[in-house]
């Protein structure tokens, strides 16, 4: 049965775009259905935002580099985003 190997190799791709951005940011995870938690940190590590949705209005934030930590299922990924 190859179902188990398919599950073991399951690695959904996390997409965050556009990057760099000047406003709206979208978070997508291919082939994943479930709860997604997002935390946004500035470059110094300070938590600046915990958005409730996967489309985020980032226009009020200052220019700079931010780290988006995306937590889904038992996985997480951190993506660097540049705000113009």
N, C-alpha and C. Protein backbone atom coordinates (compact mmCIF):
# COMPACT_ATOMS: atom_id res chain seq x y z
N UNK A 1 0.85 -1.18 0.00
CA UNK A 1 0.00 0.00 0.00
C UNK A 1 0.89 1.24 0.00
N UNK A 2 0.74 2.09 -1.00
CA UNK A 2 1.59 3.27 -1.09
C UNK A 2 0.99 4.49 -0.40
N UNK A 3 -0.14 4.34 0.25
CA UNK A 3 -0.78 5.46 0.93
C UNK A 3 0.09 5.98 2.07
N UNK A 4 0.69 5.10 2.82
CA UNK A 4 1.53 5.51 3.95
C UNK A 4 2.71 6.34 3.47
N UNK A 5 3.37 5.91 2.41
CA UNK A 5 4.52 6.68 1.92
C UNK A 5 4.08 8.05 1.42
N UNK A 6 2.88 8.13 0.85
CA UNK A 6 2.36 9.41 0.41
C UNK A 6 2.16 10.33 1.59
N UNK A 7 1.61 9.81 2.69
CA UNK A 7 1.39 10.61 3.89
C UNK A 7 2.72 11.02 4.50
N UNK A 8 3.69 10.12 4.55
CA UNK A 8 4.99 10.43 5.13
C UNK A 8 5.69 11.53 4.35
N UNK A 9 5.52 11.58 3.04
CA UNK A 9 6.18 12.57 2.21
C UNK A 9 5.34 13.82 2.00
N UNK A 10 4.22 13.92 2.67
CA UNK A 10 3.33 15.06 2.53
C UNK A 10 4.01 16.30 3.07
N UNK A 11 4.22 17.29 2.22
CA UNK A 11 4.89 18.52 2.64
C UNK A 11 4.26 19.68 1.87
N UNK A 12 3.16 20.22 2.38
CA UNK A 12 2.49 21.30 1.66
C UNK A 12 3.39 22.53 1.54
N UNK A 13 3.31 23.20 0.40
CA UNK A 13 4.12 24.39 0.17
C UNK A 13 3.41 25.62 0.71
N UNK A 14 4.15 26.41 1.49
CA UNK A 14 3.63 27.65 2.05
C UNK A 14 4.00 28.78 1.10
N UNK A 15 2.99 29.57 0.70
CA UNK A 15 3.22 30.71 -0.19
C UNK A 15 2.78 31.98 0.51
N UNK A 16 3.59 33.00 0.42
CA UNK A 16 3.28 34.30 0.99
C UNK A 16 3.62 35.33 -0.09
N UNK A 17 2.62 36.07 -0.55
CA UNK A 17 2.84 36.98 -1.67
C UNK A 17 1.92 38.18 -1.60
N UNK A 18 2.24 39.30 -2.27
CA UNK A 18 3.51 39.56 -2.95
C UNK A 18 4.61 39.86 -1.93
N UNK A 19 5.82 39.57 -2.30
CA UNK A 19 6.96 39.81 -1.44
C UNK A 19 8.13 40.23 -2.32
N UNK A 20 8.54 41.48 -2.24
CA UNK A 20 8.18 42.53 -1.29
C UNK A 20 6.76 43.05 -1.52
N UNK A 21 6.25 43.74 -0.49
CA UNK A 21 4.89 44.25 -0.54
C UNK A 21 4.84 45.71 -0.12
N UNK A 22 3.76 46.36 -0.50
CA UNK A 22 3.50 47.71 0.01
C UNK A 22 2.13 47.77 0.67
N UNK A 23 1.41 46.65 0.69
CA UNK A 23 0.07 46.65 1.29
C UNK A 23 -0.41 45.27 1.66
N UNK A 24 -1.34 44.74 0.89
CA UNK A 24 -1.97 43.45 1.18
C UNK A 24 -0.98 42.30 0.98
N UNK A 25 -1.04 41.32 1.90
CA UNK A 25 -0.23 40.10 1.81
C UNK A 25 -1.17 38.92 1.91
N UNK A 26 -0.93 37.90 1.10
CA UNK A 26 -1.75 36.70 1.10
C UNK A 26 -0.91 35.51 1.53
N UNK A 27 -1.50 34.65 2.36
CA UNK A 27 -0.83 33.43 2.81
C UNK A 27 -1.64 32.25 2.30
N UNK A 28 -0.97 31.34 1.59
CA UNK A 28 -1.61 30.13 1.08
C UNK A 28 -0.75 28.93 1.42
N UNK A 29 -1.42 27.81 1.70
CA UNK A 29 -0.71 26.55 1.92
C UNK A 29 -1.35 25.53 1.00
N UNK A 30 -0.58 25.05 0.03
CA UNK A 30 -1.09 24.09 -0.94
C UNK A 30 -1.56 22.80 -0.27
N UNK A 31 -2.70 22.31 -0.68
CA UNK A 31 -3.23 21.01 -0.25
C UNK A 31 -3.32 20.86 1.26
N UNK A 32 -3.65 21.93 1.96
CA UNK A 32 -3.79 21.87 3.42
C UNK A 32 -5.16 22.41 3.80
N UNK A 33 -5.87 21.63 4.59
CA UNK A 33 -7.15 22.06 5.14
C UNK A 33 -7.04 21.96 6.65
N UNK A 34 -7.23 23.06 7.33
CA UNK A 34 -7.12 23.05 8.78
C UNK A 34 -6.82 24.44 9.27
N UNK A 35 -6.60 24.53 10.57
CA UNK A 35 -6.34 25.82 11.19
C UNK A 35 -4.94 26.31 10.85
N UNK A 36 -4.85 27.59 10.56
CA UNK A 36 -3.56 28.23 10.29
C UNK A 36 -3.43 29.40 11.25
N UNK A 37 -2.31 29.46 11.96
CA UNK A 37 -2.01 30.58 12.85
C UNK A 37 -0.82 31.33 12.29
N UNK A 38 -0.91 32.65 12.31
CA UNK A 38 0.15 33.49 11.78
C UNK A 38 0.57 34.48 12.84
N UNK A 39 1.88 34.63 13.01
CA UNK A 39 2.44 35.65 13.91
C UNK A 39 3.47 36.43 13.11
N UNK A 40 3.42 37.74 13.25
CA UNK A 40 4.34 38.61 12.51
C UNK A 40 5.25 39.32 13.51
N UNK A 41 6.56 39.23 13.25
CA UNK A 41 7.57 39.83 14.11
C UNK A 41 8.37 40.85 13.30
N UNK A 42 8.82 41.91 13.98
CA UNK A 42 9.75 42.82 13.31
C UNK A 42 11.13 42.17 13.34
N UNK A 43 12.10 42.80 12.71
CA UNK A 43 13.42 42.20 12.58
C UNK A 43 14.13 42.04 13.92
N UNK A 44 13.71 42.81 14.94
CA UNK A 44 14.32 42.67 16.26
C UNK A 44 13.70 41.54 17.07
N UNK A 45 12.65 40.91 16.53
CA UNK A 45 12.01 39.79 17.21
C UNK A 45 10.77 40.17 18.00
N UNK A 46 10.36 41.43 17.93
CA UNK A 46 9.17 41.89 18.65
C UNK A 46 7.91 41.49 17.88
N UNK A 47 6.96 40.87 18.57
CA UNK A 47 5.69 40.49 17.97
C UNK A 47 4.90 41.77 17.65
N UNK A 48 4.53 41.94 16.37
CA UNK A 48 3.82 43.16 15.97
C UNK A 48 2.39 42.91 15.53
N UNK A 49 2.05 41.65 15.21
CA UNK A 49 0.71 41.37 14.69
C UNK A 49 0.39 39.90 14.77
N UNK A 50 -0.85 39.58 15.16
CA UNK A 50 -1.39 38.23 15.05
C UNK A 50 -2.67 38.36 14.23
N UNK A 51 -2.54 38.22 12.89
CA UNK A 51 -3.72 38.40 12.04
C UNK A 51 -4.71 37.26 12.20
N UNK A 52 -5.97 37.58 11.99
CA UNK A 52 -7.03 36.57 12.09
C UNK A 52 -7.34 35.91 10.76
N UNK A 53 -6.86 36.51 9.68
CA UNK A 53 -7.18 36.00 8.35
C UNK A 53 -5.91 35.78 7.54
N UNK A 54 -6.03 35.06 6.44
CA UNK A 54 -4.88 34.75 5.59
C UNK A 54 -4.60 35.85 4.57
N UNK A 55 -5.49 36.82 4.46
CA UNK A 55 -5.17 38.02 3.67
C UNK A 55 -5.00 39.15 4.68
N UNK A 56 -3.83 39.76 4.67
CA UNK A 56 -3.42 40.68 5.72
C UNK A 56 -3.18 42.06 5.12
N UNK A 57 -3.82 43.07 5.68
CA UNK A 57 -3.56 44.45 5.26
C UNK A 57 -2.32 44.93 6.00
N UNK A 58 -1.22 45.00 5.30
CA UNK A 58 0.06 45.35 5.92
C UNK A 58 0.43 46.80 5.65
N UNK A 59 -0.46 47.56 5.03
CA UNK A 59 -0.15 48.95 4.66
C UNK A 59 0.13 49.87 5.85
N UNK A 60 -0.49 49.69 7.04
CA UNK A 60 -0.20 50.61 8.14
C UNK A 60 1.20 50.45 8.76
N UNK A 61 1.90 49.38 8.43
CA UNK A 61 3.18 49.10 9.07
C UNK A 61 4.33 49.81 8.36
N UNK A 62 5.35 50.11 9.14
CA UNK A 62 6.52 50.83 8.62
C UNK A 62 7.30 49.97 7.63
N UNK A 63 8.06 50.65 6.79
CA UNK A 63 8.96 49.95 5.88
C UNK A 63 9.96 49.15 6.68
N UNK A 64 10.36 48.03 6.13
CA UNK A 64 11.37 47.22 6.82
C UNK A 64 11.19 45.75 6.51
N UNK A 65 11.89 44.94 7.28
CA UNK A 65 11.87 43.50 7.12
C UNK A 65 11.10 42.90 8.29
N UNK A 66 10.20 41.97 7.98
CA UNK A 66 9.36 41.30 8.98
C UNK A 66 9.47 39.80 8.81
N UNK A 67 9.25 39.09 9.88
CA UNK A 67 9.24 37.63 9.85
C UNK A 67 7.82 37.14 10.11
N UNK A 68 7.30 36.38 9.17
CA UNK A 68 5.97 35.80 9.29
C UNK A 68 6.14 34.35 9.71
N UNK A 69 5.66 34.00 10.89
CA UNK A 69 5.71 32.61 11.35
C UNK A 69 4.33 32.01 11.09
N UNK A 70 4.28 31.01 10.22
CA UNK A 70 3.02 30.37 9.86
C UNK A 70 3.00 29.00 10.50
N UNK A 71 1.98 28.75 11.33
CA UNK A 71 1.85 27.50 12.07
C UNK A 71 0.62 26.78 11.54
N UNK A 72 0.80 25.56 11.08
CA UNK A 72 -0.30 24.78 10.51
C UNK A 72 -0.10 23.31 10.85
N UNK A 73 -1.16 22.71 11.40
CA UNK A 73 -1.04 21.32 11.85
C UNK A 73 0.09 21.21 12.85
N UNK A 74 0.99 20.24 12.65
CA UNK A 74 2.14 20.08 13.54
C UNK A 74 3.41 20.68 12.93
N UNK A 75 3.22 21.58 11.97
CA UNK A 75 4.36 22.18 11.27
C UNK A 75 4.36 23.69 11.43
N UNK A 76 5.51 24.29 11.15
CA UNK A 76 5.57 25.75 11.08
C UNK A 76 6.68 26.14 10.11
N UNK A 77 6.52 27.34 9.57
CA UNK A 77 7.51 27.87 8.64
C UNK A 77 7.61 29.36 8.87
N UNK A 78 8.83 29.88 8.82
CA UNK A 78 9.05 31.31 8.97
C UNK A 78 9.53 31.86 7.63
N UNK A 79 8.87 32.94 7.19
CA UNK A 79 9.19 33.56 5.91
C UNK A 79 9.50 35.03 6.13
N UNK A 80 10.58 35.50 5.56
CA UNK A 80 10.98 36.90 5.65
C UNK A 80 10.22 37.69 4.58
N UNK A 81 9.65 38.83 5.00
CA UNK A 81 8.89 39.69 4.09
C UNK A 81 9.46 41.10 4.16
N UNK A 82 9.61 41.73 3.02
CA UNK A 82 10.08 43.10 2.96
C UNK A 82 8.89 44.00 2.67
N UNK A 83 8.72 45.04 3.50
CA UNK A 83 7.64 46.02 3.33
C UNK A 83 8.26 47.28 2.75
N UNK A 84 7.75 47.72 1.58
CA UNK A 84 8.22 48.97 0.95
C UNK A 84 7.50 50.15 1.54
